[in-house]
Amino acid sequence: MDDTEIQLFTLPGVFDVDAMDELREWLSNALEIGEIQINGAEVTRLVTNALCYW
């Protein structure tokens, strides 16, 4: 059995999609180490500052 530690990233209850750079950087670094697990159980709302024009 492999003894590598699984890297855990827990998303906050209110997740700002404009902060995806932080998640992408963490994932990139964590994948170099080994396995990862993302916990989104606490997410109740996604927010963004992006403007949409229809």
N, C-alpha and C. Protein backbone atom coordinates (compact mmCIF):
# COMPACT_ATOMS: atom_id res chain seq x y z
N MET A 1 0.84 -1.17 0.00
CA MET A 1 0.00 0.00 0.00
C MET A 1 0.89 1.24 0.00
N ASP A 2 0.46 2.26 -0.73
CA ASP A 2 1.22 3.50 -0.85
C ASP A 2 1.01 4.35 0.40
N ASP A 3 2.10 4.90 0.94
CA ASP A 3 2.02 5.70 2.16
C ASP A 3 2.00 7.20 1.90
N THR A 4 1.75 7.63 0.65
CA THR A 4 1.75 9.07 0.37
C THR A 4 0.52 9.72 0.98
N GLU A 5 0.72 10.94 1.44
CA GLU A 5 -0.35 11.68 2.08
C GLU A 5 -1.25 12.32 1.02
N ILE A 6 -2.56 12.25 1.22
CA ILE A 6 -3.51 12.89 0.32
C ILE A 6 -3.62 14.36 0.73
N GLN A 7 -3.42 15.26 -0.24
CA GLN A 7 -3.53 16.70 0.01
C GLN A 7 -5.01 17.08 -0.04
N LEU A 8 -5.50 17.76 0.99
CA LEU A 8 -6.91 18.12 1.10
C LEU A 8 -7.09 19.63 0.94
N PHE A 9 -8.02 20.03 0.08
CA PHE A 9 -8.38 21.44 -0.10
C PHE A 9 -9.87 21.55 0.16
N THR A 10 -10.25 22.27 1.21
CA THR A 10 -11.65 22.43 1.56
C THR A 10 -12.13 23.80 1.08
N LEU A 11 -13.16 23.79 0.24
CA LEU A 11 -13.72 25.03 -0.28
C LEU A 11 -14.58 25.69 0.80
N PRO A 12 -14.59 27.02 0.86
CA PRO A 12 -15.40 27.72 1.87
C PRO A 12 -16.89 27.68 1.52
N GLY A 13 -17.73 28.06 2.49
CA GLY A 13 -19.18 28.06 2.29
C GLY A 13 -19.63 28.98 1.18
N VAL A 14 -18.98 30.14 1.06
CA VAL A 14 -19.25 31.07 -0.03
C VAL A 14 -17.99 31.10 -0.87
N PHE A 15 -18.07 30.55 -2.07
CA PHE A 15 -16.89 30.39 -2.92
C PHE A 15 -16.90 31.46 -4.00
N ASP A 16 -15.85 32.27 -4.03
CA ASP A 16 -15.70 33.35 -5.00
C ASP A 16 -14.99 32.80 -6.24
N VAL A 17 -15.70 32.68 -7.35
CA VAL A 17 -15.09 32.11 -8.55
C VAL A 17 -13.99 33.02 -9.12
N ASP A 18 -13.95 34.29 -8.68
CA ASP A 18 -12.86 35.16 -9.10
C ASP A 18 -11.55 34.79 -8.40
N ALA A 19 -11.64 33.95 -7.39
CA ALA A 19 -10.44 33.52 -6.66
C ALA A 19 -9.95 32.16 -7.15
N MET A 20 -10.33 31.77 -8.35
CA MET A 20 -9.93 30.47 -8.90
C MET A 20 -8.42 30.36 -9.08
N ASP A 21 -7.73 31.49 -9.20
CA ASP A 21 -6.28 31.44 -9.35
C ASP A 21 -5.63 30.76 -8.15
N GLU A 22 -6.12 31.04 -6.95
CA GLU A 22 -5.58 30.42 -5.74
C GLU A 22 -5.78 28.91 -5.78
N LEU A 23 -6.98 28.47 -6.17
CA LEU A 23 -7.27 27.05 -6.26
C LEU A 23 -6.41 26.39 -7.32
N ARG A 24 -6.27 27.02 -8.48
CA ARG A 24 -5.46 26.46 -9.56
C ARG A 24 -4.00 26.31 -9.14
N GLU A 25 -3.47 27.32 -8.45
CA GLU A 25 -2.09 27.25 -7.99
C GLU A 25 -1.91 26.13 -6.96
N TRP A 26 -2.87 26.01 -6.04
CA TRP A 26 -2.79 24.95 -5.03
C TRP A 26 -2.83 23.59 -5.71
N LEU A 27 -3.77 23.41 -6.67
CA LEU A 27 -3.88 22.13 -7.36
C LEU A 27 -2.60 21.77 -8.11
N SER A 28 -2.02 22.74 -8.77
CA SER A 28 -0.79 22.51 -9.52
C SER A 28 0.31 22.03 -8.60
N ASN A 29 0.47 22.68 -7.46
CA ASN A 29 1.50 22.28 -6.50
C ASN A 29 1.19 20.94 -5.86
N ALA A 30 -0.06 20.71 -5.51
CA ALA A 30 -0.45 19.47 -4.84
C ALA A 30 -0.29 18.26 -5.76
N LEU A 31 -0.60 18.43 -7.04
CA LEU A 31 -0.48 17.31 -7.98
C LEU A 31 0.96 16.84 -8.13
N GLU A 32 1.91 17.75 -7.95
CA GLU A 32 3.31 17.37 -8.02
C GLU A 32 3.70 16.46 -6.85
N ILE A 33 2.99 16.61 -5.73
CA ILE A 33 3.29 15.83 -4.53
C ILE A 33 2.62 14.46 -4.59
N GLY A 34 1.38 14.41 -5.06
CA GLY A 34 0.66 13.13 -5.08
C GLY A 34 -0.83 13.34 -5.24
N GLU A 35 -1.58 12.52 -4.51
CA GLU A 35 -3.04 12.53 -4.63
C GLU A 35 -3.64 13.78 -3.97
N ILE A 36 -4.80 14.20 -4.50
CA ILE A 36 -5.51 15.36 -3.94
C ILE A 36 -6.97 15.00 -3.71
N GLN A 37 -7.58 15.74 -2.82
CA GLN A 37 -9.01 15.61 -2.56
C GLN A 37 -9.56 17.01 -2.35
N ILE A 38 -10.64 17.34 -3.06
CA ILE A 38 -11.30 18.64 -2.90
C ILE A 38 -12.63 18.40 -2.22
N ASN A 39 -12.84 19.09 -1.10
CA ASN A 39 -14.07 18.96 -0.34
C ASN A 39 -14.94 20.20 -0.59
N GLY A 40 -16.06 20.02 -1.26
CA GLY A 40 -16.97 21.12 -1.54
C GLY A 40 -18.26 21.02 -0.76
N ALA A 41 -18.28 20.20 0.29
CA ALA A 41 -19.50 19.96 1.06
C ALA A 41 -20.06 21.22 1.72
N GLU A 42 -19.19 22.16 2.07
CA GLU A 42 -19.64 23.37 2.77
C GLU A 42 -20.12 24.47 1.82
N VAL A 43 -19.92 24.32 0.53
CA VAL A 43 -20.29 25.37 -0.43
C VAL A 43 -21.81 25.48 -0.51
N THR A 44 -22.31 26.67 -0.21
CA THR A 44 -23.74 26.93 -0.30
C THR A 44 -24.05 28.01 -1.34
N ARG A 45 -22.99 28.76 -1.73
CA ARG A 45 -23.22 29.84 -2.69
C ARG A 45 -21.93 30.13 -3.46
N LEU A 46 -22.07 30.38 -4.76
CA LEU A 46 -20.96 30.82 -5.61
C LEU A 46 -21.18 32.28 -5.93
N VAL A 47 -20.11 33.08 -5.83
CA VAL A 47 -20.22 34.50 -6.14
C VAL A 47 -19.14 34.90 -7.12
N THR A 48 -19.37 36.01 -7.84
CA THR A 48 -18.40 36.53 -8.78
C THR A 48 -18.58 38.04 -8.92
N ASN A 49 -17.52 38.71 -9.32
CA ASN A 49 -17.59 40.14 -9.59
C ASN A 49 -17.74 40.41 -11.08
N ALA A 50 -17.78 39.36 -11.87
CA ALA A 50 -17.86 39.49 -13.33
C ALA A 50 -19.18 40.13 -13.74
N LEU A 51 -19.11 40.96 -14.75
CA LEU A 51 -20.30 41.60 -15.30
C LEU A 51 -20.74 40.87 -16.56
N CYS A 52 -22.00 40.63 -16.68
CA CYS A 52 -22.54 39.97 -17.88
C CYS A 52 -23.42 40.95 -18.64
N TYR A 53 -23.25 41.01 -19.92
CA TYR A 53 -24.07 41.83 -20.78
C TYR A 53 -24.86 40.93 -21.71
N TRP A 54 -26.16 41.07 -21.72
CA TRP A 54 -27.01 40.22 -22.57
C TRP A 54 -27.44 40.96 -23.79
